[in-house]
Structure formats: C-alpha cells, structure tokens
Protein backbone atom coordinates (compact mmCIF):
# COMPACT_ATOMS: atom_id res chain seq x y z
CA MET A 1 13.43 -7.06 4.41
CA LYS A 2 14.58 -3.52 5.12
CA ARG A 3 11.05 -2.38 4.29
CA ILE A 4 9.72 -4.87 6.84
CA PHE A 5 11.91 -3.40 9.54
CA ALA A 6 10.98 0.15 8.54
CA LEU A 7 7.27 -0.70 8.73
CA CYS A 8 7.76 -2.35 12.13
CA VAL A 9 9.63 0.69 13.45
CA LEU A 10 6.89 3.00 12.16
CA PHE A 11 4.16 0.85 13.71
CA ILE A 12 6.00 0.59 17.02
CA SER A 13 6.50 4.36 17.04
CA LEU A 14 2.78 4.92 16.56
CA VAL A 15 1.81 2.33 19.15
CA SER A 16 4.32 3.57 21.72
CA CYS A 17 2.72 7.03 21.81
CA SER A 18 0.20 6.93 24.60
CA LEU A 19 -1.99 9.59 26.11
CA SER A 20 -2.09 7.81 29.45
CA ASP A 21 0.51 6.48 31.85
CA ASP A 22 -0.72 2.91 31.37
CA ASN A 23 2.36 0.80 30.62
CA SER A 24 0.44 -2.45 30.06
CA ASN A 25 1.16 -2.33 26.30
CA ASN A 26 4.93 -2.78 26.50
CA PHE A 27 5.66 -4.85 23.43
CA HIS A 28 7.40 -4.70 20.10
CA PHE A 29 7.36 -6.74 16.91
CA GLU A 30 10.20 -8.97 15.85
CA ILE A 31 10.70 -10.82 12.60
CA LEU A 32 12.06 -14.33 13.06
CA PRO A 33 13.69 -16.58 10.46
CA VAL A 34 11.86 -19.55 8.97
CA GLU A 35 13.42 -22.90 9.93
CA SER A 36 11.46 -25.27 7.69
CA VAL A 37 8.51 -25.42 5.32
CA VAL A 38 6.05 -28.17 4.37
CA MET A 39 4.20 -27.62 1.12
CA PRO A 40 3.08 -29.62 -1.91
CA GLU A 41 5.35 -30.30 -4.88
CA GLN A 42 2.71 -29.00 -7.29
CA PHE A 43 -0.47 -26.95 -7.29
CA THR A 44 -3.76 -27.22 -9.16
CA LEU A 45 -5.37 -23.99 -10.39
CA GLY A 46 -8.26 -22.89 -8.16
CA GLU A 47 -7.36 -25.17 -5.23
CA THR A 48 -6.46 -24.10 -1.68
CA TYR A 49 -3.38 -25.51 0.07
CA GLU A 50 -2.20 -25.36 3.65
CA ILE A 51 1.46 -24.33 3.89
CA LYS A 52 3.14 -25.17 7.20
CA VAL A 53 6.04 -23.04 8.40
CA SER A 54 8.27 -23.73 11.43
CA TYR A 55 10.37 -21.20 13.33
CA LEU A 56 12.39 -21.11 16.55
CA ARG A 57 10.69 -19.15 19.31
CA PRO A 58 13.52 -17.74 21.47
CA SER A 59 11.43 -17.16 24.62
CA SER A 60 7.94 -17.44 26.02
CA CYS A 61 7.60 -13.67 25.49
CA HIS A 62 7.65 -14.20 21.69
CA ILE A 63 4.09 -14.85 20.54
CA PHE A 64 3.19 -15.53 16.90
CA ASN A 65 1.45 -12.45 15.49
CA ASP A 66 1.17 -12.90 11.74
CA PHE A 67 2.99 -13.64 8.54
CA TYR A 68 4.80 -10.95 6.64
CA TYR A 69 3.47 -11.73 3.16
CA GLN A 70 4.46 -9.83 0.04
CA SER A 71 3.08 -10.76 -3.38
CA ASN A 72 4.58 -9.79 -6.74
CA LEU A 73 3.05 -11.63 -9.70
CA ASN A 74 3.81 -15.33 -8.99
CA GLN A 75 6.49 -14.57 -6.38
CA ARG A 76 5.73 -14.60 -2.65
CA THR A 77 8.05 -13.39 0.12
CA ILE A 78 7.17 -14.73 3.57
CA ALA A 79 8.52 -14.20 7.09
CA ILE A 80 7.32 -14.77 10.65
CA VAL A 81 6.22 -11.75 12.71
CA THR A 82 6.07 -12.18 16.48
CA THR A 83 4.91 -9.88 19.25
CA VAL A 84 7.50 -9.65 22.01
CA TYR A 85 6.06 -8.66 25.38
CA GLU A 86 8.37 -6.67 27.64
CA ASP A 87 8.31 -6.35 31.43
CA VAL A 88 6.96 -9.89 31.70
CA SER A 89 8.62 -12.86 33.31
CA CYS A 90 9.75 -15.06 30.41
CA THR A 91 11.45 -18.37 30.03
CA GLN A 92 14.38 -18.36 27.60
CA ALA A 93 13.90 -21.92 26.35
CA VAL A 94 14.09 -22.17 22.56
CA GLU A 95 11.06 -23.93 21.10
CA LEU A 96 10.25 -25.03 17.55
CA VAL A 97 6.79 -23.70 16.64
CA GLU A 98 4.72 -24.64 13.58
CA VAL A 99 2.19 -22.23 12.09
CA SER A 100 0.35 -22.37 8.79
CA PHE A 101 -1.51 -20.32 6.23
CA ASN A 102 -3.85 -21.19 3.38
CA PHE A 103 -2.70 -20.42 -0.13
CA ILE A 104 -5.21 -20.14 -3.00
CA VAL A 105 -3.78 -20.85 -6.45
CA THR A 106 -5.07 -18.12 -8.77
CA ASN A 107 -2.52 -18.15 -11.63
CA ASN A 108 -0.92 -20.59 -14.01
CA GLY A 109 2.82 -20.98 -14.28
CA THR A 110 5.25 -21.57 -11.44
CA TYR A 111 4.97 -19.92 -8.02
CA VAL A 112 8.23 -18.89 -6.35
CA PHE A 113 8.11 -18.76 -2.54
CA LYS A 114 10.94 -16.93 -0.75
CA PHE A 115 10.96 -17.76 2.96
CA TRP A 116 13.16 -15.34 4.93
CA GLN A 117 15.89 -17.13 6.91
CA GLY A 118 17.78 -14.18 8.36
CA GLU A 119 20.79 -12.19 7.22
CA ASP A 120 24.36 -13.12 6.35
CA GLU A 121 27.45 -11.46 7.86
CA SER A 122 27.15 -8.56 5.39
CA GLY A 123 23.52 -7.83 6.29
CA ASN A 124 22.09 -9.34 3.08
CA ASP A 125 18.82 -11.22 3.36
CA ILE A 126 18.93 -15.01 3.06
CA TYR A 127 15.94 -16.88 1.63
CA TYR A 128 14.85 -20.49 1.37
CA ILE A 129 13.40 -20.59 -2.15
CA VAL A 130 10.74 -23.10 -3.22
CA GLU A 131 9.36 -23.25 -6.75
CA VAL A 132 5.97 -24.93 -7.17
CA PRO A 133 4.50 -25.50 -10.64
CA VAL A 134 0.78 -25.27 -11.35
CA VAL A 135 -0.55 -28.31 -13.20
CA GLU A 136 -3.79 -28.82 -15.07
C-alpha cells in the first residue's frame, strides 16, 4: 500500500503543476478501505464474473475514480481510489457505495483476492482475504 500512496503523491505532484492560474483542477486522490465484497464461491476457467465492492464515501466531494488493482500470479490486491474535489461545497454525510469490476478467469488453481481495509495502529496494511478455487 505504501507504493499506492507513493504513486498517488507522484501523480498529484505532476497534476498540481500548472502553467496557468486556473484553479479549477483542485483535487487529489484518496484510497478508501473496502467495507464488503460480493463474489462467487468458485470460478470456471475462461468465464467472466462481476465482483461487487462496497466502501464508505465520507463526503459528496469523494467521487469513485478507479480500482487500485495489482496482479501477481493468482493473487490480486484491490483497493478503492477516489477523486476528492477541493474548494467545493460538500456534504459530510457518510454513504455506502457499491462499485464493481469484471474479472476474467485465465488460470487454474485458486485465486487469492486481498481487499485493502485500511491500516492498524502500527501502520500495517489490513486486508480482507478471499480465496476462490477454479473448477472444471
């Protein structure tokens, strides 16, 4: 997750450099923890599955941007990336939001999904881990 934050800081640094005085692009990216996941108990090779992920949106200024998605063999690490708009009137009501992505099963064996759920008191990443076997 430290790499995620480093990439976000790098991207924000590049985006924040402007040749004009136009301040209409006042935003930054924020990674939010996954609250819950809906996915099948097993996969079939070659099939596509919709995986639903829920997260708590802390304000109306937090808009879903994309998934952080890292693949390493049959392991996937996933987190929610939001765009946070600054200098905008926002409501601070917490809202549960559901987003989804399509997953194509390309390998045999068991897939291990690690959904980022934040950090503990020591700053270590916490993951919700789901193992899904591929059946014939």
